[in-house]
Amino acid sequence: MSMITATTWVPRGFAAPFPTRYEFDEAEFERITSLAKLHLEDAQDELADAQQDADEGTATETTKKARSNNSTEEVDDDLKEYDLEHYDEDDAAEGPGVGMAMFGNVKALAYHDANSDDPYITLQEHDEEDEDREELQILATDNLVLAAKVEDEVAHLEVLVYEDEADNLYVHHDVMLPAIPLCVEWLDFPVAREADKDARGSFVAVGTFDPDIEIWDLDIIDCMLPNAILGQGGDAEKSARGEKKKKKKRKKQKANDKYHVDAVLALAANRDHRNLLASSSADKTIKLWDLNTTTCAKSYGYHTDKVCALAWHPTTSTVLLSGSYDRTVVAADMRTPDAKVPRWEVGSDVESVRWDPHDPNLFYIATEGGVLYHHDVRRAPATPASVKPIWTLQAHDESISSFDVNPIIPGFLATGSTDKEVKLWNVQASGPSMVVSRNLGVGKVFATNFAPDQEVGFRLAVAGSKGSVQIWDTSTNAAIRRIFAHRVAPAEGEVSERLVGVQEDTSESDDEDEDADAEDEKQGGGDGAEGWESMDED
């Protein structure tokens, strides 16, 4: 099984040109030790519970083993004469005159403190370092795409490099994760560091089925542990001081004001107040984290069910939009947690929410029922049930599992669904119209994200249940070129569509993809001309 659950872009110019290798020094050793002690106590509690549960079946297991031992004793007696336990041991010769066989001249071997002093070593270390450094280089014109992936029950984060001019997408490095990832958010703030106010970094926050949020430095390769953990797992002070908690029977924790106690479903970084990160969880709460101290600054309980979607207002940076499985959306000012908040009700569970970056008064709600809602925040309803959207759109027959608004081109929307279709929309004052509907061969679509830079504004990253990422240059689509002709660079002759993915290294994976594609074609959803539709509506 292989699938990608979430993706996000890293803008150009933020990644280090030459990422560094992880260095395991004394300070890092102490940090890892303190973090390991946290997990040790939990593991001991889990082990005690498991042993207690296993005690009931101990007698039964002992009886089975006794019967098994009796049946094998007779076989062991027959094999004793061969002394198989000492079969691989050499008989040590005794007495003087015993040499060292083929290594008898070991004293004549020369030893050099450094490889550079050995005349027989012609490939010097600095040559390998230069070659490795060149392979890891990230150019100023490269974009990074972060993909949260599950492959063969192993969860990890892939850091991909997209070279637009070369039509190339490849995995630069990856990060191992503790559980299935559910959301990722790029951060430009140097987390848990004493840095200047304007200091920049390139980090990623990852939410998983675990209640803790891990933050990793994207400019360091082969890290063993995250740079910071937001949640209960990040509090290493008690372990460092040697304090121990009283052991209790493990129970399901209740929601509190300090950390999440259930899966983290959504993350949203504040681009104005860069040290603030919002998170929402299946524990029904929203947490506001201070990245300077890696602690929870405030907890909010606006919803009565899992909170699965977050979005900061593009201009009023203290207003946060949140969506929940209680089928409501709230726009709240984080400075006044006790104030009454406007609330909008929808017909099914909320999947995602987005502000319109080109008109900060407008926002969108995508739902499990495949309906897209367009609202004006200034027209807040007196009651959630009396809501009147600007328009509603039945975008898909199944759930809108991913949705994005293009930050560069006004009125350009993308929706992805579990029906395996990606649809591009043109939104005008009169309402939305579909421009393109296409199956990109990623399976059920779980992620659709537009690139954040002007130079690649038409690029759309799409990923899903087949575990692959595709970068679609939507400006090469004929219908898109007609609708957004004023934003597309003119081209001579016929333009062929560009779709860039990671090249597979093994033939086995190619065979698997061919089988999957063949299955899709049988179901009527292939990658070819029959599997996509282009529609230009005026």
Protein backbone atom coordinates (compact mmCIF):
# COMPACT_ATOMS: atom_id res chain seq x y z
CA MET A 1 0.00 0.00 0.00
CA SER A 2 1.25 3.45 -0.90
CA MET A 3 -0.57 6.78 -0.65
CA ILE A 4 0.09 10.48 -0.18
CA THR A 5 -2.23 12.15 2.31
CA ALA A 6 -1.09 15.80 2.09
CA THR A 7 1.23 18.08 0.14
CA THR A 8 2.45 21.67 0.32
CA TRP A 9 4.87 23.90 -1.59
CA VAL A 10 7.95 25.75 -0.37
CA PRO A 11 8.41 29.14 -2.09
CA ARG A 12 11.57 29.82 -4.02
CA GLY A 13 14.55 31.30 -2.20
CA PHE A 14 13.88 29.85 1.25
CA ALA A 15 15.68 26.50 0.96
CA ALA A 16 19.40 26.49 1.72
CA PRO A 17 21.45 26.18 -1.51
CA PHE A 18 23.53 23.41 0.08
CA PRO A 19 21.64 21.50 2.81
CA THR A 20 23.92 20.15 5.52
CA ARG A 21 24.28 16.63 6.83
CA TYR A 22 23.09 15.88 10.33
CA GLU A 23 25.90 16.14 12.89
CA PHE A 24 25.70 14.08 16.05
CA ASP A 25 27.55 16.15 18.65
CA GLU A 26 27.42 16.21 22.45
CA ALA A 27 24.61 18.77 22.62
CA GLU A 28 22.51 16.73 20.20
CA PHE A 29 23.23 13.60 22.25
CA GLU A 30 21.88 15.27 25.39
CA ARG A 31 18.77 16.44 23.54
CA ILE A 32 18.06 12.99 22.15
CA THR A 33 18.62 11.44 25.57
CA SER A 34 16.07 13.72 27.20
CA LEU A 35 13.52 12.98 24.47
CA ALA A 36 14.17 9.25 24.71
CA LYS A 37 13.44 9.29 28.45
CA LEU A 38 9.98 10.63 27.72
CA HIS A 39 9.17 7.70 25.46
CA LEU A 40 10.77 5.22 27.85
CA GLU A 41 8.32 5.91 30.64
CA ASP A 42 5.35 5.58 28.31
CA ALA A 43 6.78 2.37 26.88
CA GLN A 44 7.23 0.95 30.38
CA ASP A 45 3.62 1.72 31.22
CA GLU A 46 2.44 0.09 28.01
CA LEU A 47 4.62 -2.93 28.72
CA ALA A 48 3.19 -3.27 32.22
CA ASP A 49 -0.34 -3.18 30.81
CA ALA A 50 0.55 -5.73 28.16
CA GLN A 51 2.13 -8.05 30.72
CA GLN A 52 -0.93 -7.78 32.92
CA ASP A 53 -3.15 -8.74 29.99
CA ALA A 54 -0.83 -11.59 29.08
CA ASP A 55 -0.84 -13.10 32.59
CA GLU A 56 -4.27 -14.57 31.98
CA GLY A 57 -3.01 -16.67 29.11
CA THR A 58 0.33 -17.63 30.67
CA ALA A 59 -0.86 -20.99 32.00
CA THR A 60 -2.22 -22.01 28.63
CA GLU A 61 1.01 -21.07 26.85
CA THR A 62 3.13 -22.93 29.41
CA THR A 63 1.11 -26.10 28.90
CA LYS A 64 1.53 -25.89 25.13
CA LYS A 65 5.29 -25.38 25.42
CA ALA A 66 5.66 -28.35 27.77
CA ARG A 67 3.94 -30.60 25.26
CA SER A 68 6.12 -29.25 22.48
CA ASN A 69 9.32 -29.82 24.48
CA ASN A 70 8.41 -33.42 25.19
CA SER A 71 7.89 -34.10 21.52
CA THR A 72 11.28 -32.66 20.54
CA GLU A 73 13.40 -34.29 23.25
CA GLU A 74 13.51 -37.57 21.33
CA VAL A 75 14.78 -35.82 18.19
CA ASP A 76 17.44 -33.95 20.19
CA ASP A 77 18.80 -37.26 21.58
CA ASP A 78 19.38 -38.58 18.08
CA LEU A 79 21.36 -35.44 17.06
CA LYS A 80 23.63 -35.27 20.12
CA GLU A 81 26.29 -37.48 18.55
CA TYR A 82 26.87 -34.86 15.80
CA ASP A 83 27.48 -32.01 18.29
CA LEU A 84 25.78 -29.50 16.01
CA GLU A 85 25.92 -26.77 18.65
CA HIS A 86 29.72 -26.53 18.16
CA TYR A 87 29.71 -27.22 14.43
CA ASP A 88 31.14 -23.81 13.42
CA GLU A 89 33.82 -23.67 16.08
CA ASP A 90 37.41 -24.28 14.94
CA ASP A 91 39.58 -26.66 16.86
CA ALA A 92 42.31 -24.56 18.42
CA ALA A 93 45.73 -26.07 17.87
CA GLU A 94 47.93 -26.37 20.93
CA GLY A 95 51.65 -26.21 21.38
CA PRO A 96 54.45 -24.13 19.88
CA GLY A 97 55.04 -23.55 16.21
CA VAL A 98 51.48 -22.51 15.30
CA GLY A 99 51.56 -19.74 12.65
CA MET A 100 48.95 -17.24 11.45
CA ALA A 101 48.19 -19.10 8.22
CA MET A 102 47.49 -16.72 5.32
CA PHE A 103 47.83 -13.66 7.58
CA GLY A 104 51.21 -14.66 8.92
CA ASN A 105 52.81 -11.48 7.54
CA VAL A 106 50.33 -9.12 9.26
CA LYS A 107 53.20 -7.30 11.01
CA ALA A 108 54.50 -6.15 7.65
CA LEU A 109 51.28 -4.30 6.79
CA ALA A 110 51.55 -0.50 6.72
CA TYR A 111 49.05 1.74 8.53
CA HIS A 112 48.36 5.39 7.69
CA ASP A 113 46.62 7.84 10.00
CA ALA A 114 44.89 9.58 7.07
CA ASN A 115 43.82 8.25 3.68
CA SER A 116 45.69 11.13 2.03
CA ASP A 117 48.98 9.58 3.25
CA ASP A 118 48.24 6.23 1.63
CA PRO A 119 49.73 6.13 -1.90
CA TYR A 120 47.37 3.33 -2.93
CA ILE A 121 44.23 5.43 -2.31
CA THR A 122 43.76 7.62 -5.36
CA LEU A 123 40.17 8.75 -4.73
CA GLN A 124 40.48 11.42 -2.06
CA GLU A 125 37.73 12.18 0.46
CA HIS A 126 37.26 15.79 -0.58
CA ASP A 127 36.38 14.64 -4.11
CA GLU A 128 33.51 12.57 -2.71
CA GLU A 129 32.38 15.45 -0.52
CA ASP A 130 32.31 17.83 -3.48
CA GLU A 131 30.31 15.36 -5.55
CA ASP A 132 27.86 14.78 -2.69
CA ARG A 133 27.53 18.53 -2.15
CA GLU A 134 26.74 19.08 -5.82
CA GLU A 135 24.06 16.39 -5.78
CA LEU A 136 22.33 18.02 -2.80
CA GLN A 137 22.38 21.53 -4.26
CA ILE A 138 19.06 23.38 -4.53
CA LEU A 139 18.99 26.23 -7.03
CA ALA A 140 17.24 29.57 -6.54
CA THR A 141 14.85 28.64 -9.38
CA ASP A 142 13.85 25.34 -7.74
CA ASN A 143 10.69 24.76 -5.76
CA LEU A 144 10.33 22.20 -3.00
CA VAL A 145 7.21 20.07 -2.73
CA LEU A 146 6.59 18.35 0.62
CA ALA A 147 4.58 15.12 0.41
CA ALA A 148 3.31 13.21 3.46
CA LYS A 149 3.47 9.57 2.39
CA VAL A 150 2.62 6.12 3.67
CA GLU A 151 4.39 3.26 1.92
CA ASP A 152 4.29 -0.37 3.03
CA GLU A 153 3.00 0.71 6.46
CA VAL A 154 5.98 3.07 6.87
CA ALA A 155 5.18 6.77 7.25
CA HIS A 156 7.61 9.40 6.01
CA LEU A 157 7.79 12.89 4.53
CA GLU A 158 9.28 13.19 1.06
CA VAL A 159 11.09 16.42 0.19
CA LEU A 160 10.88 16.73 -3.60
CA VAL A 161 12.67 19.23 -5.83
CA TYR A 162 10.75 20.59 -8.81
CA GLU A 163 12.87 21.99 -11.65
CA ASP A 164 10.35 23.79 -13.84
CA GLU A 165 12.60 24.58 -16.79
CA ALA A 166 13.91 21.00 -16.94
CA ASP A 167 10.50 19.34 -16.38
CA ASN A 168 12.10 17.36 -13.57
CA LEU A 169 10.73 16.20 -10.22
CA TYR A 170 12.81 14.06 -7.88
CA VAL A 171 13.08 13.10 -4.21
CA HIS A 172 15.84 15.12 -2.53
CA HIS A 173 15.61 13.44 0.88
CA ASP A 174 12.97 12.10 3.25
CA VAL A 175 12.08 12.19 6.94
CA MET A 176 10.77 9.25 8.95
CA LEU A 177 7.51 9.90 10.82
CA PRO A 178 6.06 8.15 13.89
CA ALA A 179 2.53 7.64 12.54
CA ILE A 180 0.37 8.10 9.46
CA PRO A 181 0.61 11.80 8.49
CA LEU A 182 -2.59 13.79 8.05
CA CYS A 183 -1.43 17.37 7.38
CA VAL A 184 1.75 19.34 6.65
CA GLU A 185 2.51 23.06 6.91
CA TRP A 186 5.64 24.89 5.81
CA LEU A 187 7.18 27.37 8.29
CA ASP A 188 9.61 30.20 7.56
CA PHE A 189 10.35 30.81 11.25
CA PRO A 190 13.46 29.41 13.00
CA VAL A 191 11.67 27.23 15.56
CA ALA A 192 12.94 26.98 19.15
CA ARG A 193 15.94 29.16 18.41
CA GLU A 194 17.14 32.48 19.76
CA ALA A 195 17.06 34.38 16.50
CA ASP A 196 16.54 37.87 15.18
CA LYS A 197 12.95 38.99 14.61
CA ASP A 198 13.46 38.98 10.86
CA ALA A 199 15.41 35.72 10.76
CA ARG A 200 14.21 33.17 8.25
CA GLY A 201 14.32 29.41 8.11
CA SER A 202 12.75 26.52 6.27
CA PHE A 203 10.89 24.12 8.54
CA VAL A 204 7.90 21.84 8.24
CA ALA A 205 5.24 21.01 10.83
CA VAL A 206 3.63 17.58 10.50
CA GLY A 207 0.38 16.43 12.10
CA THR A 208 -0.26 12.69 12.39
CA PHE A 209 -2.58 10.25 14.11
CA ASP A 210 -0.45 10.91 17.19
CA PRO A 211 -1.45 13.98 19.24
CA ASP A 212 2.03 15.52 19.03
CA ILE A 213 3.12 17.86 16.22
CA GLU A 214 6.66 17.33 14.93
CA ILE A 215 8.74 20.15 13.44
CA TRP A 216 11.70 19.35 11.18
CA ASP A 217 14.43 21.52 9.67
CA LEU A 218 14.30 21.08 5.89
CA ASP A 219 17.89 22.32 5.51
CA ILE A 220 19.32 19.37 7.47
CA ILE A 221 19.44 15.89 5.97
CA ASP A 222 19.31 12.54 7.78
CA CYS A 223 18.01 13.94 11.09
CA MET A 224 17.33 11.34 13.76
CA LEU A 225 14.70 13.28 15.72
CA PRO A 226 12.62 16.42 15.06
CA ASN A 227 13.93 19.84 16.02
CA ALA A 228 10.88 20.42 18.20
CA ILE A 229 7.72 18.65 19.33
CA LEU A 230 4.54 20.56 20.08
CA GLY A 231 2.55 18.66 22.66
CA GLN A 232 3.02 16.37 25.60
CA GLY A 233 5.96 14.65 23.97
CA GLY A 234 7.87 17.92 23.77
CA ASP A 235 7.99 18.53 27.51
CA ALA A 236 11.40 17.08 28.36
CA GLU A 237 12.03 19.10 31.52
CA LYS A 238 10.78 16.51 34.01
CA SER A 239 12.84 13.76 32.43
CA ALA A 240 15.93 15.98 32.37
CA ARG A 241 15.52 16.66 36.10
CA GLY A 242 15.01 12.98 36.82
CA GLU A 243 11.48 13.45 38.14
CA LYS A 244 9.15 10.50 37.78
CA LYS A 245 5.41 10.44 37.59
CA LYS A 246 3.30 8.14 39.68
CA LYS A 247 2.34 5.15 37.63
CA LYS A 248 -1.33 4.90 36.88
CA LYS A 249 -3.41 2.64 34.76
CA ARG A 250 -3.37 4.20 31.33
CA LYS A 251 -6.66 5.84 30.44
CA LYS A 252 -7.82 7.91 27.52
CA GLN A 253 -6.82 11.48 28.23
CA LYS A 254 -9.33 14.31 28.25
CA ALA A 255 -8.98 17.48 26.20
CA ASN A 256 -7.01 20.18 28.00
CA ASP A 257 -5.47 23.62 27.44
CA LYS A 258 -1.84 22.49 27.11
CA TYR A 259 -1.70 19.92 24.31
CA HIS A 260 -3.79 17.77 21.98
CA VAL A 261 -4.86 14.31 23.10
CA ASP A 262 -6.02 12.96 19.72
CA ALA A 263 -5.00 13.04 16.06
CA VAL A 264 -3.94 16.39 14.57
CA LEU A 265 -6.11 17.04 11.51
CA ALA A 266 -5.10 20.53 10.31
CA LEU A 267 -2.27 23.07 10.64
CA ALA A 268 -2.10 26.75 9.67
CA ALA A 269 0.96 29.01 9.98
CA ASN A 270 0.39 32.72 10.53
CA ARG A 271 2.40 34.58 7.84
CA ASP A 272 2.26 37.94 9.65
CA HIS A 273 2.93 36.76 13.20
CA ARG A 274 5.43 34.14 12.10
CA ASN A 275 5.93 32.62 15.54
CA LEU A 276 2.28 31.49 15.71
CA LEU A 277 1.00 28.13 14.48
CA ALA A 278 -2.63 27.03 14.75
CA SER A 279 -3.59 23.36 14.95
CA SER A 280 -6.89 21.51 15.14
CA SER A 281 -7.56 18.01 16.33
CA ALA A 282 -9.99 15.15 16.65
CA ASP A 283 -10.21 16.13 20.34
CA LYS A 284 -12.52 19.01 19.15
CA THR A 285 -10.09 21.78 20.14
CA ILE A 286 -7.98 24.39 18.35
CA LYS A 287 -4.53 25.15 19.78
CA LEU A 288 -2.41 28.26 19.20
CA TRP A 289 1.31 27.50 19.57
CA ASP A 290 4.19 29.89 20.23
CA LEU A 291 7.11 28.63 18.16
CA ASN A 292 9.60 30.60 20.23
CA THR A 293 8.85 28.53 23.32
CA THR A 294 7.17 25.53 21.57
CA THR A 295 4.31 25.74 24.08
CA CYS A 296 0.56 26.18 23.72
CA ALA A 297 -0.37 29.84 24.15
CA LYS A 298 -4.15 29.35 24.03
CA SER A 299 -6.76 26.66 23.48
CA TYR A 300 -10.18 27.20 21.89
CA GLY A 301 -13.34 25.10 21.91
CA TYR A 302 -15.63 26.52 19.24
CA HIS A 303 -16.84 23.16 17.89
CA THR A 304 -18.64 20.08 19.17
CA ASP A 305 -16.95 17.55 16.86
CA LYS A 306 -13.58 16.94 15.17
CA VAL A 307 -12.01 20.15 13.80
CA CYS A 308 -10.53 19.30 10.41
CA ALA A 309 -9.84 22.60 8.59
CA LEU A 310 -8.07 25.88 9.38
CA ALA A 311 -7.18 29.06 7.48
CA TRP A 312 -5.81 32.41 8.66
CA HIS A 313 -7.32 35.59 7.23
CA PRO A 314 -5.04 37.03 4.49
CA THR A 315 -5.11 40.63 5.84
CA THR A 316 -6.57 40.56 9.37
CA SER A 317 -3.95 38.22 10.74
CA THR A 318 -5.70 37.51 14.07
CA VAL A 319 -8.85 36.03 12.49
CA LEU A 320 -8.91 32.26 12.02
CA LEU A 321 -11.44 30.30 9.94
CA SER A 322 -12.17 26.78 11.21
CA GLY A 323 -14.35 23.96 9.92
CA SER A 324 -15.60 20.87 11.73
CA TYR A 325 -17.44 17.59 11.42
CA ASP A 326 -20.24 19.29 13.36
CA ARG A 327 -21.05 20.82 9.94
CA THR A 328 -20.29 24.39 10.96
CA VAL A 329 -17.61 26.94 10.09
CA VAL A 330 -16.48 29.64 12.54
CA ALA A 331 -14.54 32.87 11.91
CA ALA A 332 -13.03 33.87 15.26
CA ASP A 333 -10.64 36.57 16.41
CA MET A 334 -8.01 34.77 18.46
CA ARG A 335 -7.51 37.83 20.66
CA THR A 336 -11.03 37.55 22.09
CA PRO A 337 -11.65 33.87 22.85
CA ASP A 338 -14.76 34.55 24.94
CA ALA A 339 -16.53 36.72 22.36
CA LYS A 340 -19.49 35.47 20.36
CA VAL A 341 -18.32 34.22 16.98
CA PRO A 342 -20.15 34.15 13.63
CA ARG A 343 -21.04 30.64 12.54
CA TRP A 344 -22.07 29.20 9.17
CA GLU A 345 -23.83 25.87 8.75
CA VAL A 346 -23.40 23.50 5.79
CA GLY A 347 -25.18 20.36 4.64
CA SER A 348 -22.43 17.81 5.34
CA ASP A 349 -19.07 17.41 7.11
CA VAL A 350 -16.54 20.12 6.31
CA GLU A 351 -13.43 18.96 4.43
CA SER A 352 -11.51 22.22 3.91
CA VAL A 353 -11.85 26.01 4.13
CA ARG A 354 -10.04 28.74 2.17
CA TRP A 355 -10.04 32.53 2.17
CA ASP A 356 -9.96 34.26 -1.21
CA PRO A 357 -6.50 35.89 -1.34
CA HIS A 358 -7.75 38.40 -3.92
CA ASP A 359 -10.79 39.51 -1.92
CA PRO A 360 -10.33 39.02 1.86
CA ASN A 361 -14.07 39.37 2.51
CA LEU A 362 -14.82 36.09 0.71
CA PHE A 363 -14.16 32.50 1.68
CA TYR A 364 -14.93 28.98 0.44
CA ILE A 365 -16.09 25.80 2.17
CA ALA A 366 -15.59 22.34 0.63
CA THR A 367 -17.68 19.50 2.04
CA GLU A 368 -17.91 15.74 2.14
CA GLY A 369 -21.07 15.87 0.02
CA GLY A 370 -19.13 17.29 -2.93
CA VAL A 371 -20.64 20.78 -2.53
CA LEU A 372 -18.57 23.97 -2.64
CA TYR A 373 -19.95 27.00 -0.76
CA HIS A 374 -18.96 30.63 -1.40
CA HIS A 375 -19.61 33.10 1.45
CA ASP A 376 -19.10 36.75 2.33
CA VAL A 377 -17.84 37.14 5.90
CA ARG A 378 -19.63 40.49 6.17
CA ARG A 379 -22.97 38.72 5.78
CA ALA A 380 -22.72 36.64 8.94
CA PRO A 381 -26.05 34.92 9.72
CA ALA A 382 -28.02 35.57 12.89
CA THR A 383 -28.24 31.81 13.35
CA PRO A 384 -26.15 29.10 11.65
CA ALA A 385 -29.23 27.62 9.96
CA SER A 386 -30.23 30.93 8.34
CA VAL A 387 -27.04 31.17 6.31
CA LYS A 388 -27.30 32.42 2.70
CA PRO A 389 -24.20 31.78 0.57
CA ILE A 390 -23.30 33.84 -2.47
CA TRP A 391 -23.54 30.62 -4.46
CA THR A 392 -23.29 26.86 -4.02
CA LEU A 393 -21.78 24.40 -6.48
CA GLN A 394 -22.16 20.63 -6.70
CA ALA A 395 -18.55 20.25 -7.83
CA HIS A 396 -18.25 16.45 -7.46
CA ASP A 397 -20.50 13.47 -6.89
CA GLU A 398 -18.22 12.32 -4.06
CA SER A 399 -16.34 14.12 -1.31
CA ILE A 400 -14.21 17.19 -2.16
CA SER A 401 -11.15 15.79 -0.42
CA SER A 402 -8.87 18.66 -1.52
CA PHE A 403 -9.35 22.21 -2.67
CA ASP A 404 -7.22 25.28 -3.38
CA VAL A 405 -7.51 28.88 -4.58
CA ASN A 406 -4.76 30.12 -6.87
CA PRO A 407 -2.81 32.87 -5.05
CA ILE A 408 -1.52 34.40 -8.31
CA ILE A 409 -4.42 34.22 -10.79
CA PRO A 410 -7.76 35.65 -9.52
CA GLY A 411 -10.81 33.45 -10.00
CA PHE A 412 -8.80 30.26 -10.60
CA LEU A 413 -9.87 27.32 -8.40
CA ALA A 414 -8.97 23.62 -8.26
CA THR A 415 -10.95 20.82 -6.61
CA GLY A 416 -9.95 17.19 -6.11
CA SER A 417 -12.21 14.35 -5.09
CA THR A 418 -12.30 10.72 -4.08
CA ASP A 419 -13.92 10.15 -7.47
CA LYS A 420 -10.31 10.48 -8.82
CA GLU A 421 -11.11 13.64 -10.77
CA VAL A 422 -9.36 17.01 -10.62
CA LYS A 423 -11.46 19.94 -11.81
CA LEU A 424 -10.36 23.48 -12.62
CA TRP A 425 -12.88 26.30 -12.24
CA ASN A 426 -13.22 29.89 -13.42
CA VAL A 427 -15.03 32.03 -10.85
CA GLN A 428 -16.59 35.27 -12.06
CA ALA A 429 -19.16 37.69 -10.65
CA SER A 430 -21.90 35.66 -12.34
CA GLY A 431 -20.72 32.45 -10.67
CA PRO A 432 -18.35 29.49 -11.23
CA SER A 433 -17.89 27.54 -14.44
CA MET A 434 -15.87 24.38 -15.00
CA VAL A 435 -12.99 24.67 -17.44
CA VAL A 436 -11.25 21.27 -17.22
CA SER A 437 -12.01 17.93 -15.61
CA ARG A 438 -9.27 15.35 -15.67
CA ASN A 439 -8.10 12.06 -14.16
CA LEU A 440 -4.34 12.44 -13.58
CA GLY A 441 -3.77 8.83 -12.54
CA VAL A 442 -3.02 9.49 -8.87
CA GLY A 443 -5.99 7.47 -7.63
CA LYS A 444 -8.35 9.08 -5.16
CA VAL A 445 -7.21 12.69 -4.94
CA PHE A 446 -6.13 13.75 -1.45
CA ALA A 447 -4.07 16.87 -2.23
CA THR A 448 -4.28 19.73 -4.75
CA ASN A 449 -2.01 22.75 -4.22
CA PHE A 450 -1.14 25.66 -6.50
CA ALA A 451 2.48 26.85 -6.56
CA PRO A 452 3.06 30.03 -4.54
CA ASP A 453 5.46 31.86 -6.91
CA GLN A 454 4.64 34.17 -9.81
CA GLU A 455 6.94 32.26 -12.19
CA VAL A 456 5.09 28.98 -11.62
CA GLY A 457 1.64 30.32 -10.82
CA PHE A 458 -0.12 27.87 -13.13
CA ARG A 459 1.56 24.77 -11.67
CA LEU A 460 -0.71 22.47 -9.67
CA ALA A 461 0.62 19.67 -7.43
CA VAL A 462 -1.76 16.70 -7.27
CA ALA A 463 -1.37 13.53 -5.18
CA GLY A 464 -3.55 10.72 -3.93
CA SER A 465 -4.09 7.09 -3.05
CA LYS A 466 -1.54 5.69 -5.53
CA GLY A 467 1.36 7.32 -3.70
CA SER A 468 2.58 9.54 -6.54
CA VAL A 469 2.84 13.30 -7.06
CA GLN A 470 2.09 14.93 -10.39
CA ILE A 471 2.91 18.55 -11.24
CA TRP A 472 0.42 19.78 -13.83
CA ASP A 473 1.29 22.89 -15.82
CA THR A 474 -2.30 24.01 -16.32
CA SER A 475 -1.22 26.83 -18.66
CA THR A 476 -0.51 24.20 -21.32
CA ASN A 477 -4.18 23.19 -21.40
CA ALA A 478 -6.01 24.73 -24.35
CA ALA A 479 -9.15 25.62 -22.39
CA ILE A 480 -7.16 27.27 -19.60
CA ARG A 481 -5.22 29.27 -22.17
CA ARG A 482 -8.44 30.60 -23.63
CA ILE A 483 -10.03 31.54 -20.30
CA PHE A 484 -6.92 33.09 -18.75
CA ALA A 485 -5.32 34.34 -21.99
CA HIS A 486 -4.40 37.67 -20.38
CA ARG A 487 -2.27 35.83 -17.81
CA VAL A 488 -0.65 33.23 -20.06
CA ALA A 489 2.53 33.95 -21.99
CA PRO A 490 1.93 33.74 -25.77
CA ALA A 491 3.33 30.70 -27.53
CA GLU A 492 3.96 29.85 -31.15
CA GLY A 493 2.52 26.69 -32.64
CA GLU A 494 0.68 23.92 -30.82
CA VAL A 495 1.28 23.62 -27.08
CA SER A 496 1.37 20.11 -25.60
CA GLU A 497 0.27 19.58 -22.03
CA ARG A 498 2.96 19.24 -19.37
CA LEU A 499 2.58 16.71 -16.58
CA VAL A 500 5.70 16.05 -14.50
CA GLY A 501 6.10 13.18 -12.04
CA VAL A 502 8.86 11.35 -10.23
CA GLN A 503 10.60 8.84 -12.47
CA GLU A 504 10.46 5.31 -11.07
CA ASP A 505 13.74 3.41 -10.79
CA THR A 506 12.46 -0.16 -10.85
CA SER A 507 10.50 -2.06 -13.44
CA GLU A 508 8.44 -3.63 -10.68
CA SER A 509 6.83 -0.33 -9.79
CA ASP A 510 6.15 0.33 -13.46
CA ASP A 511 4.32 -2.98 -13.71
CA GLU A 512 2.24 -2.10 -10.67
CA ASP A 513 1.30 1.26 -12.19
CA GLU A 514 0.33 -0.41 -15.48
CA ASP A 515 -1.90 -2.86 -13.63
CA ALA A 516 -3.51 -0.03 -11.68
CA ASP A 517 -4.05 2.01 -14.85
CA ALA A 518 -5.57 -0.99 -16.58
CA GLU A 519 -7.98 -1.38 -13.68
CA ASP A 520 -8.93 2.30 -13.92
CA GLU A 521 -9.59 1.95 -17.64
CA LYS A 522 -11.93 -0.96 -16.97
CA GLN A 523 -13.82 1.29 -14.57
CA GLY A 524 -13.99 4.06 -17.16
CA GLY A 525 -11.34 6.39 -15.75
CA GLY A 526 -8.08 6.14 -17.65
CA ASP A 527 -5.30 8.67 -18.17
CA GLY A 528 -5.78 9.02 -21.88
CA ALA A 529 -8.09 11.17 -23.93
CA GLU A 530 -11.13 9.23 -22.79
CA GLY A 531 -10.32 9.85 -19.11
CA TRP A 532 -10.53 13.63 -19.15
CA GLU A 533 -12.87 16.31 -20.29
CA SER A 534 -12.26 19.90 -21.27
CA MET A 535 -15.16 22.30 -21.05
CA ASP A 536 -15.23 26.01 -21.81
CA GLU A 537 -18.37 27.66 -20.46
CA ASP A 538 -19.13 31.31 -20.92
